[in-house]
Amino acid sequence: QVQLVESGGGLVQPGGSLRLSCAASGFTFSRYPMSWYSQAPGKEREFVAGITGSGGSTSYADSVKGRFTISRDNAKNTVNLQMDNLRPEDTAVYYCKRSDGVWGQGTQVTVSS
């Protein structure tokens, strides 16, 4: 069945880095644009970054431009989010999403000293 499984979250100090991964299975991965969303406590889920099926085009929320990088490996069926210069306000559960609305279960990112 279609499945998205995120990993790589954790606790990091401000200014630190994390790399999130989303492993996809059960479908032809390269056919689908993918994206990352975040949901902080008490807030709505919001777009972080997106990437086309080929990986040739990316987009970012203004709040993460220059700090986060989305990438994908279609041979390994993974989409990644490299998060640098993390801030406390980046604390959230991060989800990967297939373009037609399939979601993973999320991974917690906590930025705190």
C-alpha atoms as a PDB file:
ATOM      1  CA  GLN A   1       0.000   0.000   0.000  1.00  0.00           C
ATOM      2  CA  VAL A   2       0.987   3.628  -0.359  1.00  0.00           C
ATOM      3  CA  GLN A   3       3.167   4.685   2.541  1.00  0.00           C
ATOM      4  CA  LEU A   4       5.259   7.690   3.536  1.00  0.00           C
ATOM      5  CA  VAL A   5       7.542   7.356   6.564  1.00  0.00           C
ATOM      6  CA  GLU A   6       9.446  10.336   7.931  1.00  0.00           C
ATOM      7  CA  SER A   7      12.608  10.118  10.016  1.00  0.00           C
ATOM      8  CA  GLY A   8      15.453  12.304  11.236  1.00  0.00           C
ATOM      9  CA  GLY A   9      13.715  14.550  13.718  1.00  0.00           C
ATOM     10  CA  GLY A  10      15.069  15.305  17.158  1.00  0.00           C
ATOM     11  CA  LEU A  11      16.287  17.936  19.590  1.00  0.00           C
ATOM     12  CA  VAL A  12      18.833  20.465  18.337  1.00  0.00           C
ATOM     13  CA  GLN A  13      20.233  23.727  19.634  1.00  0.00           C
ATOM     14  CA  PRO A  14      19.524  27.024  17.882  1.00  0.00           C
ATOM     15  CA  GLY A  15      21.860  27.413  14.927  1.00  0.00           C
ATOM     16  CA  GLY A  16      22.158  23.668  14.503  1.00  0.00           C
ATOM     17  CA  SER A  17      21.173  21.387  11.633  1.00  0.00           C
ATOM     18  CA  LEU A  18      18.963  18.385  11.010  1.00  0.00           C
ATOM     19  CA  ARG A  19      18.255  16.308   7.935  1.00  0.00           C
ATOM     20  CA  LEU A  20      14.777  14.866   7.573  1.00  0.00           C
ATOM     21  CA  SER A  21      14.021  12.000   5.240  1.00  0.00           C
ATOM     22  CA  CYS A  22      10.754  10.631   3.919  1.00  0.00           C
ATOM     23  CA  ALA A  23      10.776   7.097   2.548  1.00  0.00           C
ATOM     24  CA  ALA A  24       8.047   6.362   0.023  1.00  0.00           C
ATOM     25  CA  SER A  25       6.659   2.987  -1.001  1.00  0.00           C
ATOM     26  CA  GLY A  26       3.723   1.491  -2.848  1.00  0.00           C
ATOM     27  CA  PHE A  27       3.665   3.870  -5.815  1.00  0.00           C
ATOM     28  CA  THR A  28       5.772   5.230  -8.688  1.00  0.00           C
ATOM     29  CA  PHE A  29       7.604   7.856  -6.697  1.00  0.00           C
ATOM     30  CA  SER A  30       9.056   9.889  -9.568  1.00  0.00           C
ATOM     31  CA  ARG A  31       5.589  10.686 -10.939  1.00  0.00           C
ATOM     32  CA  TYR A  32       4.618  12.796  -7.949  1.00  0.00           C
ATOM     33  CA  PRO A  33       5.676  16.213  -6.725  1.00  0.00           C
ATOM     34  CA  MET A  34       6.407  16.035  -3.010  1.00  0.00           C
ATOM     35  CA  SER A  35       6.436  18.585  -0.244  1.00  0.00           C
ATOM     36  CA  TRP A  36       7.210  19.131   3.416  1.00  0.00           C
ATOM     37  CA  TYR A  37       4.825  20.788   5.856  1.00  0.00           C
ATOM     38  CA  SER A  38       5.186  21.747   9.490  1.00  0.00           C
ATOM     39  CA  GLN A  39       2.686  22.030  12.314  1.00  0.00           C
ATOM     40  CA  ALA A  40       3.603  23.828  15.512  1.00  0.00           C
ATOM     41  CA  PRO A  41       1.550  23.343  18.693  1.00  0.00           C
ATOM     42  CA  GLY A  42      -1.752  25.176  18.444  1.00  0.00           C
ATOM     43  CA  LYS A  43      -1.177  26.205  14.844  1.00  0.00           C
ATOM     44  CA  GLU A  44      -2.356  25.047  11.453  1.00  0.00           C
ATOM     45  CA  ARG A  45      -0.192  22.859   9.261  1.00  0.00           C
ATOM     46  CA  GLU A  46       1.754  25.018   6.824  1.00  0.00           C
ATOM     47  CA  PHE A  47       3.831  24.581   3.690  1.00  0.00           C
ATOM     48  CA  VAL A  48       7.618  24.496   4.106  1.00  0.00           C
ATOM     49  CA  ALA A  49       9.089  23.313   0.795  1.00  0.00           C
ATOM     50  CA  GLY A  50       8.110  21.497  -2.388  1.00  0.00           C
ATOM     51  CA  ILE A  51       9.849  19.702  -5.248  1.00  0.00           C
ATOM     52  CA  THR A  52       8.705  18.494  -8.651  1.00  0.00           C
ATOM     53  CA  GLY A  53       8.736  14.835  -9.651  1.00  0.00           C
ATOM     54  CA  SER A  54      11.987  15.164 -11.549  1.00  0.00           C
ATOM     55  CA  GLY A  55      13.562  17.277  -8.836  1.00  0.00           C
ATOM     56  CA  GLY A  56      14.196  20.039 -11.333  1.00  0.00           C
ATOM     57  CA  SER A  57      12.207  22.719  -9.551  1.00  0.00           C
ATOM     58  CA  THR A  58      11.796  23.598  -5.898  1.00  0.00           C
ATOM     59  CA  SER A  59       9.858  26.139  -3.862  1.00  0.00           C
ATOM     60  CA  TYR A  60      10.099  27.358  -0.278  1.00  0.00           C
ATOM     61  CA  ALA A  61       8.171  29.268   2.311  1.00  0.00           C
ATOM     62  CA  ASP A  62       9.696  32.699   2.891  1.00  0.00           C
ATOM     63  CA  SER A  63      10.494  31.790   6.495  1.00  0.00           C
ATOM     64  CA  VAL A  64      12.912  29.013   5.463  1.00  0.00           C
ATOM     65  CA  LYS A  65      14.467  30.375   2.261  1.00  0.00           C
ATOM     66  CA  GLY A  66      18.235  30.244   2.472  1.00  0.00           C
ATOM     67  CA  ARG A  67      18.155  27.883   5.475  1.00  0.00           C
ATOM     68  CA  PHE A  68      16.316  24.757   4.282  1.00  0.00           C
ATOM     69  CA  THR A  69      16.959  22.672   1.160  1.00  0.00           C
ATOM     70  CA  ILE A  70      14.587  20.092  -0.262  1.00  0.00           C
ATOM     71  CA  SER A  71      15.912  17.298  -2.475  1.00  0.00           C
ATOM     72  CA  ARG A  72      14.849  13.893  -3.713  1.00  0.00           C
ATOM     73  CA  ASP A  73      16.446  10.652  -4.821  1.00  0.00           C
ATOM     74  CA  ASN A  74      14.089   8.897  -7.220  1.00  0.00           C
ATOM     75  CA  ALA A  75      16.296   5.793  -7.283  1.00  0.00           C
ATOM     76  CA  LYS A  76      15.869   5.414  -3.518  1.00  0.00           C
ATOM     77  CA  ASN A  77      12.287   6.742  -3.328  1.00  0.00           C
ATOM     78  CA  THR A  78      13.185   9.370  -0.767  1.00  0.00           C
ATOM     79  CA  VAL A  79      12.596  13.072  -0.331  1.00  0.00           C
ATOM     80  CA  ASN A  80      14.814  14.966   2.086  1.00  0.00           C
ATOM     81  CA  LEU A  81      14.781  18.256   3.926  1.00  0.00           C
ATOM     82  CA  GLN A  82      18.146  19.658   4.985  1.00  0.00           C
ATOM     83  CA  MET A  83      17.505  22.162   7.773  1.00  0.00           C
ATOM     84  CA  ASP A  84      20.335  24.535   8.665  1.00  0.00           C
ATOM     85  CA  ASN A  85      20.589  27.489  11.031  1.00  0.00           C
ATOM     86  CA  LEU A  86      17.574  26.237  12.933  1.00  0.00           C
ATOM     87  CA  ARG A  87      15.582  28.622  15.092  1.00  0.00           C
ATOM     88  CA  PRO A  88      13.296  27.974  18.080  1.00  0.00           C
ATOM     89  CA  GLU A  89      10.325  28.975  15.912  1.00  0.00           C
ATOM     90  CA  ASP A  90      11.101  26.021  13.606  1.00  0.00           C
ATOM     91  CA  THR A  91       9.942  23.696  16.399  1.00  0.00           C
ATOM     92  CA  ALA A  92       7.102  21.623  14.961  1.00  0.00           C
ATOM     93  CA  VAL A  93       6.062  18.233  13.698  1.00  0.00           C
ATOM     94  CA  TYR A  94       7.243  17.916  10.100  1.00  0.00           C
ATOM     95  CA  TYR A  95       5.241  15.928   7.570  1.00  0.00           C
ATOM     96  CA  CYS A  96       5.934  14.876   4.021  1.00  0.00           C
ATOM     97  CA  LYS A  97       3.053  14.972   1.582  1.00  0.00           C
ATOM     98  CA  ARG A  98       2.417  13.519  -1.831  1.00  0.00           C
ATOM     99  CA  SER A  99       0.920  16.040  -4.224  1.00  0.00           C
ATOM    100  CA  ASP A 100      -2.527  14.403  -4.167  1.00  0.00           C
ATOM    101  CA  GLY A 101      -2.869  14.534  -0.403  1.00  0.00           C
ATOM    102  CA  VAL A 102      -1.214  11.427   1.011  1.00  0.00           C
ATOM    103  CA  TRP A 103       0.546  12.282   4.287  1.00  0.00           C
ATOM    104  CA  GLY A 104       3.186  10.645   6.410  1.00  0.00           C
ATOM    105  CA  GLN A 105       2.880  10.297  10.174  1.00  0.00           C
ATOM    106  CA  GLY A 106       5.290  13.131  10.945  1.00  0.00           C
ATOM    107  CA  THR A 107       8.559  13.560  12.823  1.00  0.00           C
ATOM    108  CA  GLN A 108       9.121  15.949  15.730  1.00  0.00           C
ATOM    109  CA  VAL A 109      11.727  18.700  15.456  1.00  0.00           C
ATOM    110  CA  THR A 110      12.541  20.649  18.609  1.00  0.00           C
ATOM    111  CA  VAL A 111      14.940  23.594  18.544  1.00  0.00           C
ATOM    112  CA  SER A 112      15.927  24.623  22.043  1.00  0.00           C
ATOM    113  CA  SER A 113      18.959  25.407  24.154  1.00  0.00           C
END
